């Protein structure tokens, strides 16, 4: 757990909107991967 905390340490001071965009892009890419896997 300490490794993960150190990994995110430089990003602690960022505004909340940056985190929202980051997580939205992850969810969007996960949706794109699953959609392309099942496309005909």
N, C-alpha and C. Protein backbone atom coordinates (compact mmCIF):
# COMPACT_ATOMS: atom_id res chain seq x y z
N UNK A 1 0.83 -1.20 0.00
CA UNK A 1 0.00 0.00 0.00
C UNK A 1 0.87 1.26 0.00
N UNK A 2 2.01 1.16 0.63
CA UNK A 2 2.91 2.32 0.70
C UNK A 2 3.47 2.65 -0.68
N UNK A 3 3.72 1.63 -1.51
CA UNK A 3 4.22 1.88 -2.86
C UNK A 3 3.19 2.66 -3.68
N UNK A 4 1.93 2.28 -3.53
CA UNK A 4 0.87 2.97 -4.27
C UNK A 4 0.76 4.42 -3.81
N UNK A 5 0.88 4.64 -2.53
CA UNK A 5 0.80 6.00 -1.98
C UNK A 5 1.95 6.86 -2.50
N UNK A 6 3.14 6.30 -2.57
CA UNK A 6 4.28 7.04 -3.09
C UNK A 6 4.14 7.31 -4.57
N UNK A 7 3.48 6.41 -5.30
CA UNK A 7 3.29 6.59 -6.73
C UNK A 7 2.39 7.80 -7.02
N UNK A 8 1.37 8.00 -6.19
CA UNK A 8 0.42 9.09 -6.41
C UNK A 8 0.80 10.38 -5.69
N UNK A 9 1.92 10.38 -5.00
CA UNK A 9 2.32 11.55 -4.21
C UNK A 9 2.46 12.83 -5.02
N UNK A 10 3.06 12.81 -6.24
CA UNK A 10 3.20 14.06 -7.00
C UNK A 10 1.88 14.66 -7.44
N UNK A 11 0.81 13.85 -7.45
CA UNK A 11 -0.47 14.32 -7.97
C UNK A 11 -1.42 14.80 -6.87
N UNK A 12 -0.94 14.92 -5.65
CA UNK A 12 -1.84 15.23 -4.53
C UNK A 12 -2.40 16.63 -4.58
N UNK A 13 -1.67 17.60 -5.13
CA UNK A 13 -2.12 18.98 -5.10
C UNK A 13 -2.99 19.39 -6.26
N UNK A 14 -3.32 18.46 -7.14
CA UNK A 14 -4.09 18.82 -8.33
C UNK A 14 -5.55 19.08 -7.99
N UNK A 15 -6.21 19.88 -8.81
CA UNK A 15 -7.64 20.13 -8.58
C UNK A 15 -8.48 18.88 -8.81
N UNK A 16 -9.67 18.89 -8.27
CA UNK A 16 -10.55 17.72 -8.36
C UNK A 16 -10.96 17.43 -9.79
N UNK A 17 -11.08 18.45 -10.63
CA UNK A 17 -11.49 18.23 -12.02
C UNK A 17 -10.48 17.37 -12.78
N UNK A 18 -9.21 17.48 -12.43
CA UNK A 18 -8.19 16.64 -13.08
C UNK A 18 -8.44 15.17 -12.76
N UNK A 19 -8.79 14.88 -11.51
CA UNK A 19 -9.07 13.50 -11.13
C UNK A 19 -10.31 12.98 -11.87
N UNK A 20 -11.33 13.84 -12.00
CA UNK A 20 -12.57 13.43 -12.68
C UNK A 20 -12.26 13.09 -14.14
N UNK A 21 -11.48 13.93 -14.81
CA UNK A 21 -11.13 13.67 -16.21
C UNK A 21 -10.30 12.40 -16.32
N UNK A 22 -9.39 12.18 -15.38
CA UNK A 22 -8.54 11.00 -15.40
C UNK A 22 -9.37 9.72 -15.27
N UNK A 23 -10.28 9.68 -14.29
CA UNK A 23 -11.09 8.48 -14.10
C UNK A 23 -12.09 8.30 -15.23
N UNK A 24 -12.61 9.41 -15.78
CA UNK A 24 -13.53 9.30 -16.90
C UNK A 24 -12.83 8.71 -18.12
N UNK A 25 -11.59 9.09 -18.35
CA UNK A 25 -10.86 8.54 -19.49
C UNK A 25 -10.58 7.05 -19.29
N UNK A 26 -10.32 6.63 -18.05
CA UNK A 26 -10.10 5.20 -17.78
C UNK A 26 -11.38 4.41 -18.05
N UNK A 27 -12.50 4.91 -17.56
CA UNK A 27 -13.77 4.22 -17.77
C UNK A 27 -14.10 4.18 -19.26
N UNK A 28 -13.83 5.27 -19.95
CA UNK A 28 -14.11 5.33 -21.38
C UNK A 28 -13.26 4.32 -22.15
N UNK A 29 -11.99 4.22 -21.80
CA UNK A 29 -11.12 3.27 -22.51
C UNK A 29 -11.52 1.83 -22.20
N UNK A 30 -11.98 1.56 -20.97
CA UNK A 30 -12.46 0.23 -20.64
C UNK A 30 -13.70 -0.11 -21.47
N UNK A 31 -14.56 0.85 -21.66
CA UNK A 31 -15.74 0.63 -22.49
C UNK A 31 -15.37 0.40 -23.94
N UNK A 32 -14.37 1.11 -24.43
CA UNK A 32 -13.94 0.91 -25.81
C UNK A 32 -13.32 -0.46 -26.00
N UNK A 33 -12.57 -0.94 -25.04
CA UNK A 33 -11.94 -2.25 -25.15
C UNK A 33 -13.00 -3.35 -25.17
N UNK A 34 -13.98 -3.26 -24.28
CA UNK A 34 -14.99 -4.31 -24.24
C UNK A 34 -15.89 -4.25 -25.47
N UNK A 35 -16.14 -3.07 -26.02
CA UNK A 35 -16.98 -2.95 -27.19
C UNK A 35 -16.26 -3.51 -28.42
N UNK A 36 -14.95 -3.24 -28.53
CA UNK A 36 -14.22 -3.74 -29.69
C UNK A 36 -14.03 -5.25 -29.62
N UNK A 37 -14.02 -5.81 -28.42
CA UNK A 37 -13.84 -7.25 -28.28
C UNK A 37 -15.07 -8.00 -28.79
N UNK A 38 -16.25 -7.42 -28.62
CA UNK A 38 -17.48 -8.10 -29.00
C UNK A 38 -18.07 -7.58 -30.29
N UNK A 39 -17.34 -6.75 -31.04
CA UNK A 39 -17.88 -6.24 -32.30
C UNK A 39 -17.78 -7.32 -33.38
N UNK A 40 -18.68 -7.26 -34.34
CA UNK A 40 -18.72 -8.30 -35.37
C UNK A 40 -18.08 -7.80 -36.63
